[in-house]
Amino acid sequence: MTTPVPTRFTDDELALIDELVDEGIGGNRSAVIRRGVHHLADAVRRARVGGVIVQSYRERPQSAEDDELAMASAVAMTEAEPW
């Protein structure tokens, strides 16, 4: 079930939405707008996760020991491959 949400768009915005419909991004204006909302929500979520990762590195910077462990893990995984 969907709920109508009255929204106003400029002529330029409608032209852009119509271009996206014409390109097959969505079957109609509503589908394009819904897809855009999902993309925006995903971008916001990813930015928040990125911010948390950045903050964690600021609070606990990577050390030389971390680098050594990462390299050892990478070597071990590579050597474990059956090439």
PDB file of N, CA and C in Angstrom:
ATOM      1  N   MET A   1       0.847  -1.174   0.000  1.00  0.00           N
ATOM      2  CA  MET A   1       0.000   0.000   0.000  1.00  0.00           C
ATOM      3  C   MET A   1       0.893   1.238   0.000  1.00  0.00           C
ATOM      4  N   THR A   2       0.535   2.213  -0.760  1.00  0.00           N
ATOM      5  CA  THR A   2       1.281   3.466  -0.802  1.00  0.00           C
ATOM      6  C   THR A   2       0.391   4.606  -0.328  1.00  0.00           C
ATOM      7  N   THR A   3       1.018   5.657   0.132  1.00  0.00           N
ATOM      8  CA  THR A   3       0.310   6.841   0.599  1.00  0.00           C
ATOM      9  C   THR A   3       0.723   8.025  -0.266  1.00  0.00           C
ATOM     10  N   PRO A   4      -0.230   8.727  -0.853  1.00  0.00           N
ATOM     11  CA  PRO A   4       0.126   9.905  -1.648  1.00  0.00           C
ATOM     12  C   PRO A   4       0.748  10.987  -0.762  1.00  0.00           C
ATOM     13  N   VAL A   5       1.803  11.616  -1.281  1.00  0.00           N
ATOM     14  CA  VAL A   5       2.458  12.717  -0.579  1.00  0.00           C
ATOM     15  C   VAL A   5       2.511  13.895  -1.546  1.00  0.00           C
ATOM     16  N   PRO A   6       1.693  14.905  -1.292  1.00  0.00           N
ATOM     17  CA  PRO A   6       1.702  16.059  -2.188  1.00  0.00           C
ATOM     18  C   PRO A   6       3.066  16.751  -2.167  1.00  0.00           C
ATOM     19  N   THR A   7       3.642  16.935  -3.319  1.00  0.00           N
ATOM     20  CA  THR A   7       4.967  17.547  -3.441  1.00  0.00           C
ATOM     21  C   THR A   7       4.971  18.467  -4.647  1.00  0.00           C
ATOM     22  N   ARG A   8       5.702  19.534  -4.545  1.00  0.00           N
ATOM     23  CA  ARG A   8       5.811  20.471  -5.662  1.00  0.00           C
ATOM     24  C   ARG A   8       7.223  20.404  -6.230  1.00  0.00           C
ATOM     25  N   PHE A   9       7.303  20.397  -7.563  1.00  0.00           N
ATOM     26  CA  PHE A   9       8.585  20.385  -8.255  1.00  0.00           C
ATOM     27  C   PHE A   9       8.613  21.538  -9.251  1.00  0.00           C
ATOM     28  N   THR A  10       9.802  22.051  -9.472  1.00  0.00           N
ATOM     29  CA  THR A  10       9.957  23.073 -10.504  1.00  0.00           C
ATOM     30  C   THR A  10       9.866  22.403 -11.878  1.00  0.00           C
ATOM     31  N   ASP A  11       9.716  23.206 -12.895  1.00  0.00           N
ATOM     32  CA  ASP A  11       9.690  22.660 -14.257  1.00  0.00           C
ATOM     33  C   ASP A  11      10.991  21.928 -14.580  1.00  0.00           C
ATOM     34  N   ASP A  12      12.111  22.471 -14.126  1.00  0.00           N
ATOM     35  CA  ASP A  12      13.406  21.823 -14.368  1.00  0.00           C
ATOM     36  C   ASP A  12      13.501  20.474 -13.659  1.00  0.00           C
ATOM     37  N   GLU A  13      13.006  20.420 -12.437  1.00  0.00           N
ATOM     38  CA  GLU A  13      13.026  19.158 -11.698  1.00  0.00           C
ATOM     39  C   GLU A  13      12.143  18.115 -12.378  1.00  0.00           C
ATOM     40  N   LEU A  14      10.958  18.532 -12.814  1.00  0.00           N
ATOM     41  CA  LEU A  14      10.074  17.601 -13.523  1.00  0.00           C
ATOM     42  C   LEU A  14      10.702  17.125 -14.823  1.00  0.00           C
ATOM     43  N   ALA A  15      11.382  18.011 -15.516  1.00  0.00           N
ATOM     44  CA  ALA A  15      12.057  17.618 -16.758  1.00  0.00           C
ATOM     45  C   ALA A  15      13.120  16.569 -16.466  1.00  0.00           C
ATOM     46  N   LEU A  16      13.851  16.753 -15.383  1.00  0.00           N
ATOM     47  CA  LEU A  16      14.879  15.779 -15.004  1.00  0.00           C
ATOM     48  C   LEU A  16      14.238  14.440 -14.649  1.00  0.00           C
ATOM     49  N   ILE A  17      13.169  14.467 -13.883  1.00  0.00           N
ATOM     50  CA  ILE A  17      12.457  13.234 -13.531  1.00  0.00           C
ATOM     51  C   ILE A  17      11.962  12.544 -14.791  1.00  0.00           C
ATOM     52  N   ASP A  18      11.391  13.308 -15.712  1.00  0.00           N
ATOM     53  CA  ASP A  18      10.886  12.730 -16.962  1.00  0.00           C
ATOM     54  C   ASP A  18      12.022  12.123 -17.792  1.00  0.00           C
ATOM     55  N   GLU A  19      13.184  12.767 -17.789  1.00  0.00           N
ATOM     56  CA  GLU A  19      14.343  12.200 -18.493  1.00  0.00           C
ATOM     57  C   GLU A  19      14.701  10.839 -17.908  1.00  0.00           C
ATOM     58  N   LEU A  20      14.670  10.752 -16.593  1.00  0.00           N
ATOM     59  CA  LEU A  20      14.995   9.481 -15.942  1.00  0.00           C
ATOM     60  C   LEU A  20      13.964   8.404 -16.268  1.00  0.00           C
ATOM     61  N   VAL A  21      12.701   8.803 -16.343  1.00  0.00           N
ATOM     62  CA  VAL A  21      11.660   7.853 -16.756  1.00  0.00           C
ATOM     63  C   VAL A  21      11.932   7.390 -18.184  1.00  0.00           C
ATOM     64  N   ASP A  22      12.236   8.332 -19.068  1.00  0.00           N
ATOM     65  CA  ASP A  22      12.521   7.999 -20.464  1.00  0.00           C
ATOM     66  C   ASP A  22      13.722   7.066 -20.599  1.00  0.00           C
ATOM     67  N   GLU A  23      14.690   7.200 -19.692  1.00  0.00           N
ATOM     68  CA  GLU A  23      15.882   6.358 -19.717  1.00  0.00           C
ATOM     69  C   GLU A  23      15.640   4.993 -19.065  1.00  0.00           C
ATOM     70  N   GLY A  24      14.443   4.795 -18.528  1.00  0.00           N
ATOM     71  CA  GLY A  24      14.111   3.505 -17.933  1.00  0.00           C
ATOM     72  C   GLY A  24      14.534   3.346 -16.484  1.00  0.00           C
ATOM     73  N   ILE A  25      14.907   4.434 -15.833  1.00  0.00           N
ATOM     74  CA  ILE A  25      15.306   4.368 -14.426  1.00  0.00           C
ATOM     75  C   ILE A  25      14.117   3.978 -13.558  1.00  0.00           C
ATOM     76  N   GLY A  26      12.950   4.385 -13.972  1.00  0.00           N
ATOM     77  CA  GLY A  26      11.710   4.022 -13.300  1.00  0.00           C
ATOM     78  C   GLY A  26      10.592   4.032 -14.312  1.00  0.00           C
ATOM     79  N   GLY A  27       9.544   3.291 -14.039  1.00  0.00           N
ATOM     80  CA  GLY A  27       8.447   3.195 -14.986  1.00  0.00           C
ATOM     81  C   GLY A  27       7.587   4.444 -15.074  1.00  0.00           C
ATOM     82  N   ASN A  28       7.674   5.281 -14.052  1.00  0.00           N
ATOM     83  CA  ASN A  28       6.907   6.523 -14.026  1.00  0.00           C
ATOM     84  C   ASN A  28       7.574   7.486 -13.048  1.00  0.00           C
ATOM     85  N   ARG A  29       7.018   8.667 -12.925  1.00  0.00           N
ATOM     86  CA  ARG A  29       7.610   9.668 -12.043  1.00  0.00           C
ATOM     87  C   ARG A  29       7.700   9.181 -10.600  1.00  0.00           C
ATOM     88  N   SER A  30       6.646   8.558 -10.136  1.00  0.00           N
ATOM     89  CA  SER A  30       6.637   8.084  -8.746  1.00  0.00           C
ATOM     90  C   SER A  30       7.741   7.064  -8.497  1.00  0.00           C
ATOM     91  N   ALA A  31       7.932   6.162  -9.439  1.00  0.00           N
ATOM     92  CA  ALA A  31       8.977   5.147  -9.284  1.00  0.00           C
ATOM     93  C   ALA A  31      10.360   5.787  -9.240  1.00  0.00           C
ATOM     94  N   VAL A  32      10.585   6.791 -10.082  1.00  0.00           N
ATOM     95  CA  VAL A  32      11.870   7.490 -10.082  1.00  0.00           C
ATOM     96  C   VAL A  32      12.085   8.198  -8.747  1.00  0.00           C
ATOM     97  N   ILE A  33      11.058   8.858  -8.251  1.00  0.00           N
ATOM     98  CA  ILE A  33      11.172   9.581  -6.980  1.00  0.00           C
ATOM     99  C   ILE A  33      11.422   8.594  -5.839  1.00  0.00           C
ATOM    100  N   ARG A  34      10.691   7.479  -5.819  1.00  0.00           N
ATOM    101  CA  ARG A  34      10.913   6.479  -4.773  1.00  0.00           C
ATOM    102  C   ARG A  34      12.339   5.947  -4.829  1.00  0.00           C
ATOM    103  N   ARG A  35      12.819   5.678  -6.038  1.00  0.00           N
ATOM    104  CA  ARG A  35      14.189   5.186  -6.188  1.00  0.00           C
ATOM    105  C   ARG A  35      15.192   6.218  -5.683  1.00  0.00           C
ATOM    106  N   GLY A  36      14.922   7.480  -5.982  1.00  0.00           N
ATOM    107  CA  GLY A  36      15.788   8.546  -5.497  1.00  0.00           C
ATOM    108  C   GLY A  36      15.821   8.612  -3.979  1.00  0.00           C
ATOM    109  N   VAL A  37      14.683   8.415  -3.339  1.00  0.00           N
ATOM    110  CA  VAL A  37      14.617   8.429  -1.875  1.00  0.00           C
ATOM    111  C   VAL A  37      15.453   7.285  -1.309  1.00  0.00           C
ATOM    112  N   HIS A  38      15.349   6.112  -1.932  1.00  0.00           N
ATOM    113  CA  HIS A  38      16.137   4.964  -1.465  1.00  0.00           C
ATOM    114  C   HIS A  38      17.636   5.224  -1.631  1.00  0.00           C
ATOM    115  N   HIS A  39      18.023   5.826  -2.756  1.00  0.00           N
ATOM    116  CA  HIS A  39      19.432   6.149  -2.976  1.00  0.00           C
ATOM    117  C   HIS A  39      19.918   7.175  -1.951  1.00  0.00           C
ATOM    118  N   LEU A  40      19.113   8.175  -1.669  1.00  0.00           N
ATOM    119  CA  LEU A  40      19.480   9.187  -0.680  1.00  0.00           C
ATOM    120  C   LEU A  40      19.635   8.547   0.698  1.00  0.00           C
ATOM    121  N   ALA A  41      18.680   7.718   1.088  1.00  0.00           N
ATOM    122  CA  ALA A  41      18.757   7.066   2.397  1.00  0.00           C
ATOM    123  C   ALA A  41      20.011   6.201   2.493  1.00  0.00           C
ATOM    124  N   ASP A  42      20.361   5.495   1.420  1.00  0.00           N
ATOM    125  CA  ASP A  42      21.563   4.667   1.409  1.00  0.00           C
ATOM    126  C   ASP A  42      22.820   5.534   1.525  1.00  0.00           C
ATOM    127  N   ALA A  43      22.847   6.646   0.815  1.00  0.00           N
ATOM    128  CA  ALA A  43      24.004   7.546   0.873  1.00  0.00           C
ATOM    129  C   ALA A  43      24.174   8.117   2.279  1.00  0.00           C
ATOM    130  N   VAL A  44      23.080   8.488   2.920  1.00  0.00           N
ATOM    131  CA  VAL A  44      23.140   9.026   4.285  1.00  0.00           C
ATOM    132  C   VAL A  44      23.640   7.951   5.243  1.00  0.00           C
ATOM    133  N   ARG A  45      23.126   6.729   5.099  1.00  0.00           N
ATOM    134  CA  ARG A  45      23.556   5.629   5.969  1.00  0.00           C
ATOM    135  C   ARG A  45      25.044   5.369   5.800  1.00  0.00           C
ATOM    136  N   ARG A  46      25.511   5.327   4.538  1.00  0.00           N
ATOM    137  CA  ARG A  46      26.933   5.076   4.281  1.00  0.00           C
ATOM    138  C   ARG A  46      27.808   6.201   4.838  1.00  0.00           C
ATOM    139  N   ALA A  47      27.340   7.435   4.728  1.00  0.00           N
ATOM    140  CA  ALA A  47      28.102   8.567   5.274  1.00  0.00           C
ATOM    141  C   ALA A  47      28.198   8.470   6.795  1.00  0.00           C
ATOM    142  N   ARG A  48      27.124   8.050   7.430  1.00  0.00           N
ATOM    143  CA  ARG A  48      27.148   7.888   8.889  1.00  0.00           C
ATOM    144  C   ARG A  48      28.123   6.791   9.298  1.00  0.00           C
ATOM    145  N   VAL A  49      28.079   5.668   8.602  1.00  0.00           N
ATOM    146  CA  VAL A  49      29.014   4.568   8.897  1.00  0.00           C
ATOM    147  C   VAL A  49      30.449   5.041   8.683  1.00  0.00           C
ATOM    148  N   GLY A  50      30.679   5.754   7.587  1.00  0.00           N
ATOM    149  CA  GLY A  50      32.010   6.289   7.323  1.00  0.00           C
ATOM    150  C   GLY A  50      32.469   7.216   8.431  1.00  0.00           C
ATOM    151  N   GLY A  51      31.567   8.039   8.917  1.00  0.00           N
ATOM    152  CA  GLY A  51      31.894   8.954  10.010  1.00  0.00           C
ATOM    153  C   GLY A  51      32.278   8.214  11.280  1.00  0.00           C
ATOM    154  N   VAL A  52      31.581   7.130  11.555  1.00  0.00           N
ATOM    155  CA  VAL A  52      31.899   6.318  12.734  1.00  0.00           C
ATOM    156  C   VAL A  52      33.281   5.679  12.571  1.00  0.00           C
ATOM    157  N   ILE A  53      33.579   5.194  11.378  1.00  0.00           N
ATOM    158  CA  ILE A  53      34.894   4.593  11.126  1.00  0.00           C
ATOM    159  C   ILE A  53      35.994   5.641  11.298  1.00  0.00           C
ATOM    160  N   VAL A  54      35.795   6.816  10.720  1.00  0.00           N
ATOM    161  CA  VAL A  54      36.789   7.886  10.847  1.00  0.00           C
ATOM    162  C   VAL A  54      37.002   8.240  12.318  1.00  0.00           C
ATOM    163  N   GLN A  55      35.917   8.387  13.041  1.00  0.00           N
ATOM    164  CA  GLN A  55      36.021   8.740  14.463  1.00  0.00           C
ATOM    165  C   GLN A  55      36.769   7.668  15.239  1.00  0.00           C
ATOM    166  N   SER A  56      36.536   6.399  14.914  1.00  0.00           N
ATOM    167  CA  SER A  56      37.230   5.327  15.635  1.00  0.00           C
ATOM    168  C   SER A  56      38.731   5.369  15.362  1.00  0.00           C
ATOM    169  N   TYR A  57      39.123   5.692  14.118  1.00  0.00           N
ATOM    170  CA  TYR A  57      40.550   5.816  13.823  1.00  0.00           C
ATOM    171  C   TYR A  57      41.164   7.038  14.515  1.00  0.00           C
ATOM    172  N   ARG A  58      40.376   8.080  14.684  1.00  0.00           N
ATOM    173  CA  ARG A  58      40.883   9.260  15.397  1.00  0.00           C
ATOM    174  C   ARG A  58      41.092   8.943  16.876  1.00  0.00           C
ATOM    175  N   GLU A  59      40.160   8.166  17.426  1.00  0.00           N
ATOM    176  CA  GLU A  59      40.254   7.815  18.846  1.00  0.00           C
ATOM    177  C   GLU A  59      41.340   6.776  19.096  1.00  0.00           C
ATOM    178  N   ARG A  60      41.542   5.890  18.132  1.00  0.00           N
ATOM    179  CA  ARG A  60      42.552   4.829  18.278  1.00  0.00           C
ATOM    180  C   ARG A  60      43.269   4.654  16.947  1.00  0.00           C
ATOM    181  N   PRO A  61      44.260   5.485  16.697  1.00  0.00           N
ATOM    182  CA  PRO A  61      44.970   5.416  15.417  1.00  0.00           C
ATOM    183  C   PRO A  61      45.630   4.052  15.204  1.00  0.00           C
ATOM    184  N   GLN A  62      45.778   3.713  13.951  1.00  0.00           N
ATOM    185  CA  GLN A  62      46.420   2.459  13.599  1.00  0.00           C
ATOM    186  C   GLN A  62      47.890   2.520  13.994  1.00  0.00           C
ATOM    187  N   SER A  63      48.401   1.429  14.538  1.00  0.00           N
ATOM    188  CA  SER A  63      49.788   1.399  14.999  1.00  0.00           C
ATOM    189  C   SER A  63      50.645   0.562  14.051  1.00  0.00           C
ATOM    190  N   ALA A  64      51.937   0.612  14.259  1.00  0.00           N
ATOM    191  CA  ALA A  64      52.858  -0.207  13.465  1.00  0.00           C
ATOM    192  C   ALA A  64      52.568  -1.684  13.694  1.00  0.00           C
ATOM    193  N   GLU A  65      52.189  -2.030  14.912  1.00  0.00           N
ATOM    194  CA  GLU A  65      51.841  -3.425  15.210  1.00  0.00           C
ATOM    195  C   GLU A  65      50.619  -3.862  14.396  1.00  0.00           C
ATOM    196  N   ASP A  66      49.632  -2.973  14.263  1.00  0.00           N
ATOM    197  CA  ASP A  66      48.460  -3.273  13.444  1.00  0.00           C
ATOM    198  C   ASP A  66      48.869  -3.530  11.999  1.00  0.00           C
ATOM    199  N   ASP A  67      49.803  -2.709  11.486  1.00  0.00           N
ATOM    200  CA  ASP A  67      50.285  -2.886  10.113  1.00  0.00           C
ATOM    201  C   ASP A  67      50.942  -4.251   9.936  1.00  0.00           C
ATOM    202  N   GLU A  68      51.752  -4.641  10.908  1.00  0.00           N
ATOM    203  CA  GLU A  68      52.435  -5.928  10.837  1.00  0.00           C
ATOM    204  C   GLU A  68      51.438  -7.083  10.845  1.00  0.00           C
ATOM    205  N   LEU A  69      50.430  -6.987  11.695  1.00  0.00           N
ATOM    206  CA  LEU A  69      49.409  -8.040  11.755  1.00  0.00           C
ATOM    207  C   LEU A  69      48.623  -8.117  10.450  1.00  0.00           C
ATOM    208  N   ALA A  70      48.285  -6.975   9.878  1.00  0.00           N
ATOM    209  CA  ALA A  70      47.550  -6.953   8.615  1.00  0.00           C
ATOM    210  C   ALA A  70      48.376  -7.564   7.501  1.00  0.00           C
ATOM    211  N   MET A  71      49.657  -7.251   7.457  1.00  0.00           N
ATOM    212  CA  MET A  71      50.526  -7.811   6.429  1.00  0.00           C
ATOM    213  C   MET A  71      50.677  -9.323   6.613  1.00  0.00           C
ATOM    214  N   ALA A  72      50.843  -9.758   7.841  1.00  0.00           N
ATOM    215  CA  ALA A  72      50.960 -11.192   8.103  1.00  0.00           C
ATOM    216  C   ALA A  72      49.685 -11.921   7.681  1.00  0.00           C
ATOM    217  N   SER A  73      48.539 -11.341   7.947  1.00  0.00           N
ATOM    218  CA  SER A  73      47.269 -11.956   7.539  1.00  0.00           C
ATOM    219  C   SER A  73      47.157 -12.009   6.022  1.00  0.00           C
ATOM    220  N   ALA A  74      47.554 -10.938   5.351  1.00  0.00           N
ATOM    221  CA  ALA A  74      47.490 -10.901   3.893  1.00  0.00           C
ATOM    222  C   ALA A  74      48.406 -11.952   3.280  1.00  0.00           C
ATOM    223  N   VAL A  75      49.603 -12.097   3.819  1.00  0.00           N
ATOM    224  CA  VAL A  75      50.543 -13.105   3.319  1.00  0.00           C
ATOM    225  C   VAL A  75      49.981 -14.496   3.548  1.00  0.00           C
ATOM    226  N   ALA A  76      49.444 -14.751   4.732  1.00  0.00           N
ATOM    227  CA  ALA A  76      48.888 -16.070   5.053  1.00  0.00           C
ATOM    228  C   ALA A  76      47.724 -16.421   4.135  1.00  0.00           C
ATOM    229  N   MET A  77      46.846 -15.453   3.872  1.00  0.00           N
ATOM    230  CA  MET A  77      45.708 -15.719   2.976  1.00  0.00           C
ATOM    231  C   MET A  77      46.183 -15.989   1.553  1.00  0.00           C
ATOM    232  N   THR A  78      47.180 -15.243   1.116  1.00  0.00           N
ATOM    233  CA  THR A  78      47.708 -15.433  -0.233  1.00  0.00           C
ATOM    234  C   THR A  78      48.366 -16.798  -0.366  1.00  0.00           C
ATOM    235  N   GLU A  79      49.130 -17.183   0.635  1.00  0.00           N
ATOM    236  CA  GLU A  79      49.800 -18.485   0.604  1.00  0.00           C
ATOM    237  C   GLU A  79      48.800 -19.637   0.697  1.00  0.00           C
ATOM    238  N   ALA A  80      47.659 -19.393   1.298  1.00  0.00           N
ATOM    239  CA  ALA A  80      46.634 -20.439   1.432  1.00  0.00           C
ATOM    240  C   ALA A  80      45.863 -20.681   0.141  1.00  0.00           C
ATOM    241  N   GLU A  81      45.985 -19.772  -0.818  1.00  0.00           N
ATOM    242  CA  GLU A  81      45.284 -19.927  -2.099  1.00  0.00           C
ATOM    243  C   GLU A  81      45.880 -21.094  -2.878  1.00  0.00           C
ATOM    244  N   PRO A  82      45.028 -21.815  -3.606  1.00  0.00           N
ATOM    245  CA  PRO A  82      45.510 -22.999  -4.326  1.00  0.00           C
ATOM    246  C   PRO A  82      46.104 -22.711  -5.691  1.00  0.00           C
ATOM    247  N   TRP A  83      46.467 -21.513  -6.018  1.00  0.00           N
ATOM    248  CA  TRP A  83      46.947 -21.150  -7.325  1.00  0.00           C
ATOM    249  C   TRP A  83      47.907 -22.176  -7.788  1.00  0.00           C
TER     250      TRP A  83
END
